[in-house]
Amino acid sequence: MSISLAFTLIVASVSLLTLLLVLRPLLRAHMLTAMVLIGGLVVLAAGLYRQVGTPLALDPAMVKRPETLEEAITQLERSRERFADHEGWVMLATTYDRAGRFPEARDTWAQVVKMVPDDPNFLAMAAEARAKAHPERLFDDQAVTMLTRALTLNANHARARLFLGAALRQRGDARAAAATWEPLLADARGEDLAALRAEVDAARAEAGLPPPPAPAAKAGAITVAVSLHPDFAARVRLDGNATVFVIAREPGQRMPVAVERHPASQLPLALELDDSDSPMPTAKLSTLKQ
């Protein structure tokens, strides 16, 4: 028996019992009329409940808090016809992606973009979903169109720019890929900067171009060389998953004015600390003399 039919029968039974109690005098005097009236009201109540009620709310599978991604997907799938706006579809698409169900994620993100066509975040996510669902993890023409549209809406959208550069390089246009990625270098930090610079350098080399010039030092920036003392390194035996925090403070103060984090596997390294590394906008490295 389906859930919908079960709920309809429950509603009908409750309605029947209620009406029997209310209409007992009529039953005794006019049995046939009373039974016709009761039957009609029961059918009407059941029909109304099927139209405007919420039988899913009484389904134990829907009331139970999901403990796995698959349970969450089941609840969302059963509720999607009742999604009030795109937010439910976004949640379903994200959950499909986390569960590794990439074709379903692709199709659901397509529904989100259809509902909200001018959101660069959704366009970038939809394009990524198309690449994940592709057998060779490629950005197809539709994904490229989405990414181009996202950058038209927001030229500084880092995710869309990163994916579009990857799509261009997949298509053999290394020069355009490098040009698409290079604006991201100004805001990248730490290991993200190192990884991005490696991709840009590789794309430029593939296109027969020299590496991009090193960025000019920013006002108030300081260059820091970071390494571990050999005795300390031998004693603690840090593995590659360890994290090194590079912190600059004003003398006598505990609050940092600049912080960067890097994996220990990158040591020794040279880096630049500047105002963009400040955890607080009111405490800037460039304002300090020491």
Protein backbone atom coordinates (compact mmCIF):
# COMPACT_ATOMS: atom_id res chain seq x y z
CA MET A 1 0.00 0.00 0.00
CA SER A 2 1.36 3.41 -0.93
CA ILE A 3 1.94 6.09 1.70
CA SER A 4 -0.58 8.41 0.04
CA LEU A 5 -3.31 5.73 0.02
CA ALA A 6 -2.60 4.80 3.65
CA PHE A 7 -2.97 8.39 4.78
CA THR A 8 -6.16 8.77 2.79
CA LEU A 9 -7.64 5.71 4.52
CA ILE A 10 -6.58 7.02 7.92
CA VAL A 11 -8.23 10.37 7.25
CA ALA A 12 -11.37 8.66 6.01
CA SER A 13 -11.54 6.40 9.09
CA VAL A 14 -11.10 9.27 11.52
CA SER A 15 -13.73 11.31 9.69
CA LEU A 16 -16.15 8.38 9.75
CA LEU A 17 -15.78 7.81 13.48
CA THR A 18 -16.29 11.50 14.18
CA LEU A 19 -19.38 11.72 12.06
CA LEU A 20 -20.88 8.59 13.60
CA LEU A 21 -20.67 10.19 17.02
CA VAL A 22 -22.08 13.50 15.84
CA LEU A 23 -24.92 12.07 13.78
CA ARG A 24 -26.16 9.33 16.11
CA PRO A 25 -29.68 10.86 16.38
CA LEU A 26 -29.97 11.10 12.62
CA LEU A 27 -28.83 7.51 12.21
CA ARG A 28 -31.72 6.27 14.30
CA ALA A 29 -34.35 8.32 12.48
CA HIS A 30 -33.13 8.35 8.88
CA MET A 31 -30.59 5.57 8.37
CA LEU A 32 -30.34 5.77 4.56
CA THR A 33 -30.06 9.56 4.42
CA ALA A 34 -27.46 9.56 7.19
CA MET A 35 -25.29 6.95 5.49
CA VAL A 36 -25.32 8.85 2.18
CA LEU A 37 -24.41 12.07 3.99
CA ILE A 38 -21.59 10.40 5.94
CA GLY A 39 -20.17 8.75 2.83
CA GLY A 40 -20.14 12.01 0.93
CA LEU A 41 -18.45 13.90 3.74
CA VAL A 42 -15.80 11.21 4.17
CA VAL A 43 -14.96 11.26 0.47
CA LEU A 44 -14.86 15.06 0.53
CA ALA A 45 -12.54 15.12 3.58
CA ALA A 46 -10.17 12.57 2.06
CA GLY A 47 -10.07 14.43 -1.23
CA LEU A 48 -9.34 17.74 0.43
CA TYR A 49 -6.56 16.19 2.50
CA ARG A 50 -4.93 14.70 -0.58
CA GLN A 51 -5.00 18.12 -2.23
CA VAL A 52 -3.92 20.44 0.57
CA GLY A 53 -2.68 18.18 3.36
CA THR A 54 0.89 17.06 4.05
CA PRO A 55 0.93 13.25 4.18
CA LEU A 56 4.71 13.22 3.80
CA ALA A 57 4.97 14.92 7.19
CA LEU A 58 3.62 11.72 8.81
CA ASP A 59 5.97 9.41 6.97
CA PRO A 60 8.53 8.12 9.53
CA ALA A 61 11.26 8.28 6.87
CA MET A 62 10.56 12.00 6.45
CA VAL A 63 10.30 12.85 10.14
CA LYS A 64 13.51 11.03 11.08
CA ARG A 65 16.67 13.10 11.00
CA PRO A 66 18.88 11.74 8.20
CA GLU A 67 21.99 9.94 9.39
CA THR A 68 23.54 9.34 5.98
CA LEU A 69 23.78 11.22 2.70
CA GLU A 70 21.50 8.67 1.05
CA GLU A 71 18.82 9.24 3.70
CA ALA A 72 19.13 12.99 3.17
CA ILE A 73 18.79 12.49 -0.59
CA THR A 74 15.69 10.33 -0.09
CA GLN A 75 14.01 13.02 2.01
CA LEU A 76 14.90 15.77 -0.45
CA GLU A 77 13.74 13.75 -3.44
CA ARG A 78 10.36 13.08 -1.83
CA SER A 79 9.99 16.77 -1.02
CA ARG A 80 11.17 18.32 -4.28
CA GLU A 81 7.70 18.70 -5.76
CA ARG A 82 6.94 20.95 -2.79
CA PHE A 83 10.12 23.09 -2.98
CA ALA A 84 8.99 26.68 -2.59
CA ASP A 85 12.00 28.13 -4.45
CA HIS A 86 15.46 27.28 -5.75
CA GLU A 87 17.00 26.75 -2.30
CA GLY A 88 15.67 23.21 -2.01
CA TRP A 89 17.11 22.38 -5.43
CA VAL A 90 20.49 23.82 -4.40
CA MET A 91 20.48 21.61 -1.30
CA LEU A 92 19.59 18.54 -3.36
CA ALA A 93 22.27 19.29 -5.96
CA THR A 94 24.91 19.80 -3.27
CA THR A 95 23.94 16.56 -1.53
CA TYR A 96 24.08 14.62 -4.80
CA ASP A 97 27.60 16.00 -5.35
CA ARG A 98 28.77 15.06 -1.83
CA ALA A 99 27.43 11.55 -2.38
CA GLY A 100 29.36 11.24 -5.65
CA ARG A 101 26.18 11.03 -7.72
CA PHE A 102 27.50 13.43 -10.33
CA PRO A 103 24.97 12.92 -13.17
CA GLU A 104 22.11 13.69 -10.76
CA ALA A 105 24.05 16.69 -9.42
CA ARG A 106 24.56 17.97 -12.98
CA ASP A 107 20.87 17.71 -13.82
CA THR A 108 19.78 19.31 -10.56
CA TRP A 109 22.19 22.22 -10.93
CA ALA A 110 20.77 22.70 -14.43
CA GLN A 111 17.36 23.10 -12.78
CA VAL A 112 18.81 25.68 -10.37
CA VAL A 113 20.34 27.70 -13.23
CA LYS A 114 17.05 27.54 -15.11
CA MET A 115 15.32 29.08 -12.09
CA VAL A 116 18.10 31.59 -11.27
CA PRO A 117 19.99 32.27 -14.53
CA ASP A 118 21.99 35.31 -13.39
CA ASP A 119 23.79 34.06 -10.28
CA PRO A 120 27.54 33.57 -10.99
CA ASN A 121 27.92 31.23 -8.02
CA PHE A 122 25.25 28.86 -9.35
CA LEU A 123 26.63 29.09 -12.88
CA ALA A 124 30.10 28.10 -11.68
CA MET A 125 28.73 25.22 -9.60
CA ALA A 126 26.61 24.00 -12.51
CA ALA A 127 29.63 24.09 -14.83
CA GLU A 128 31.74 22.16 -12.32
CA ALA A 129 28.97 19.58 -11.98
CA ARG A 130 28.98 19.06 -15.75
CA ALA A 131 32.74 18.43 -15.68
CA LYS A 132 32.43 15.96 -12.80
CA ALA A 133 29.70 14.07 -14.62
CA HIS A 134 31.72 13.89 -17.86
CA PRO A 135 33.47 10.51 -18.36
CA GLU A 136 36.79 12.32 -18.91
CA ARG A 137 36.13 15.15 -16.43
CA LEU A 138 35.97 17.71 -19.24
CA PHE A 139 34.14 21.03 -19.35
CA ASP A 140 31.79 20.77 -22.33
CA ASP A 141 30.46 23.63 -24.46
CA GLN A 142 27.53 24.25 -22.14
CA ALA A 143 29.85 24.44 -19.13
CA VAL A 144 32.09 26.95 -20.94
CA THR A 145 29.02 29.04 -21.78
CA MET A 146 28.01 29.02 -18.10
CA LEU A 147 31.49 30.09 -16.96
CA THR A 148 31.70 32.84 -19.55
CA ARG A 149 28.30 34.09 -18.42
CA ALA A 150 29.44 34.01 -14.76
CA LEU A 151 32.47 36.18 -15.56
CA THR A 152 30.29 38.56 -17.55
CA LEU A 153 28.19 39.01 -14.42
CA ASN A 154 31.22 39.21 -12.10
CA ALA A 155 34.68 39.53 -13.65
CA ASN A 156 36.28 38.91 -10.24
CA HIS A 157 34.53 35.59 -9.61
CA ALA A 158 37.53 33.43 -8.72
CA ARG A 159 35.84 30.04 -9.04
CA ALA A 160 34.46 30.77 -12.49
CA ARG A 161 37.81 32.18 -13.64
CA LEU A 162 39.68 29.14 -12.32
CA PHE A 163 37.33 26.70 -14.08
CA LEU A 164 37.26 28.64 -17.33
CA GLY A 165 41.08 28.63 -17.44
CA ALA A 166 41.02 24.86 -16.92
CA ALA A 167 38.43 24.47 -19.70
CA LEU A 168 40.52 26.54 -22.12
CA ARG A 169 43.64 24.54 -21.38
CA GLN A 170 41.73 21.28 -21.87
CA ARG A 171 40.86 22.57 -25.34
CA GLY A 172 44.49 23.29 -26.17
CA ASP A 173 44.36 27.06 -25.79
CA ALA A 174 47.15 27.40 -23.23
CA ARG A 175 47.71 31.10 -23.96
CA ALA A 176 44.07 31.97 -23.17
CA ALA A 177 44.16 29.70 -20.11
CA ALA A 178 47.18 31.53 -18.69
CA ALA A 179 45.60 34.92 -19.40
CA THR A 180 42.42 33.80 -17.64
CA TRP A 181 44.29 32.59 -14.56
CA GLU A 182 46.82 35.42 -14.16
CA PRO A 183 44.43 37.93 -12.51
CA LEU A 184 43.96 35.40 -9.70
CA LEU A 185 47.64 35.60 -8.72
CA ALA A 186 47.19 39.00 -7.07
CA ASP A 187 44.83 37.66 -4.41
CA ALA A 188 46.11 34.10 -3.94
CA ARG A 189 48.11 33.30 -0.82
CA GLY A 190 50.23 30.50 0.57
CA GLU A 191 49.88 27.06 -0.95
CA ASP A 192 47.05 28.27 -3.21
CA LEU A 193 49.41 30.85 -4.72
CA ALA A 194 52.15 28.28 -5.23
CA ALA A 195 49.78 25.84 -6.95
CA LEU A 196 48.23 28.54 -9.14
CA ARG A 197 51.61 29.99 -10.14
CA ALA A 198 52.74 26.50 -11.17
CA GLU A 199 49.68 26.13 -13.42
CA VAL A 200 50.18 29.58 -14.95
CA ASP A 201 53.88 28.91 -15.59
CA ALA A 202 53.07 25.54 -17.19
CA ALA A 203 50.38 27.06 -19.42
CA ARG A 204 52.65 29.91 -20.50
CA ALA A 205 55.48 27.48 -21.25
CA GLU A 206 53.07 25.35 -23.29
CA ALA A 207 52.12 28.48 -25.24
CA GLY A 208 55.79 29.44 -25.77
CA LEU A 209 55.61 32.38 -23.34
CA PRO A 210 58.06 33.24 -20.52
CA PRO A 211 56.92 33.05 -16.89
CA PRO A 212 55.00 36.13 -15.71
CA PRO A 213 57.12 38.78 -13.97
CA ALA A 214 57.25 38.64 -10.20
CA PRO A 215 54.71 41.03 -8.63
CA ALA A 216 56.08 44.27 -7.25
CA ALA A 217 56.46 44.40 -3.49
CA LYS A 218 53.49 46.03 -1.76
CA ALA A 219 53.91 49.03 0.54
CA GLY A 220 54.72 47.88 4.06
CA ALA A 221 55.27 44.27 3.01
CA ILE A 222 58.07 42.18 4.47
CA THR A 223 59.78 39.14 3.01
CA VAL A 224 60.26 36.22 5.37
CA ALA A 225 62.40 33.11 5.01
CA VAL A 226 61.05 30.13 6.94
CA SER A 227 62.93 26.93 7.74
CA LEU A 228 63.23 24.43 10.56
CA HIS A 229 66.41 24.09 12.57
CA PRO A 230 67.95 20.70 11.64
CA ASP A 231 68.09 19.52 15.28
CA PHE A 232 64.44 20.45 15.85
CA ALA A 233 63.36 18.84 12.60
CA ALA A 234 65.16 15.61 13.50
CA ARG A 235 63.68 15.58 16.99
CA VAL A 236 60.01 16.16 16.14
CA ARG A 237 60.00 14.36 12.76
CA LEU A 238 57.19 16.41 11.22
CA ASP A 239 55.32 14.72 8.42
CA GLY A 240 54.04 16.40 5.29
CA ASN A 241 50.58 16.90 6.81
CA ALA A 242 51.88 19.23 9.52
CA THR A 243 51.00 22.92 9.21
CA VAL A 244 53.32 25.85 9.76
CA PHE A 245 51.83 29.21 10.79
CA VAL A 246 53.89 32.31 10.04
CA ILE A 247 52.78 35.12 12.38
CA ALA A 248 53.82 38.75 12.67
CA ARG A 249 52.97 40.72 15.83
CA GLU A 250 53.60 44.18 17.18
CA PRO A 251 56.17 43.92 19.99
CA GLY A 252 54.40 43.38 23.31
CA GLN A 253 51.05 42.52 21.68
CA ARG A 254 49.39 39.13 21.37
CA MET A 255 47.07 39.85 18.42
CA PRO A 256 48.77 39.10 15.07
CA VAL A 257 48.87 41.75 12.37
CA ALA A 258 49.64 39.18 9.66
CA VAL A 259 49.19 35.41 9.43
CA GLU A 260 49.86 32.84 6.72
CA ARG A 261 49.66 29.06 6.89
CA HIS A 262 51.65 26.59 4.81
CA PRO A 263 52.16 22.82 4.82
CA ALA A 264 55.43 21.72 6.38
CA SER A 265 56.23 19.89 3.15
CA GLN A 266 56.92 23.29 1.51
CA LEU A 267 59.73 24.16 3.91
CA PRO A 268 62.09 25.85 3.51
CA LEU A 269 60.16 28.65 1.83
CA ALA A 270 60.26 32.39 1.26
CA LEU A 271 57.04 34.37 1.49
CA GLU A 272 55.77 37.91 1.66
CA LEU A 273 53.55 39.21 4.44
CA ASP A 274 51.44 42.31 3.77
CA ASP A 275 48.23 44.01 4.85
CA SER A 276 46.07 41.44 3.06
CA ASP A 277 47.34 38.83 5.56
CA SER A 278 45.87 40.71 8.52
CA PRO A 279 43.13 38.86 10.46
CA MET A 280 41.70 42.24 11.49
CA PRO A 281 41.19 45.19 9.11
CA THR A 282 42.06 47.66 11.90
CA ALA A 283 45.49 46.11 12.56
CA LYS A 284 47.71 46.46 9.50
CA LEU A 285 51.30 45.43 9.07
CA SER A 286 52.11 48.58 7.07
CA THR A 287 51.39 50.82 10.10
CA LEU A 288 54.13 49.24 12.23
CA LYS A 289 57.77 50.25 12.35
CA GLN A 290 58.89 47.10 14.11
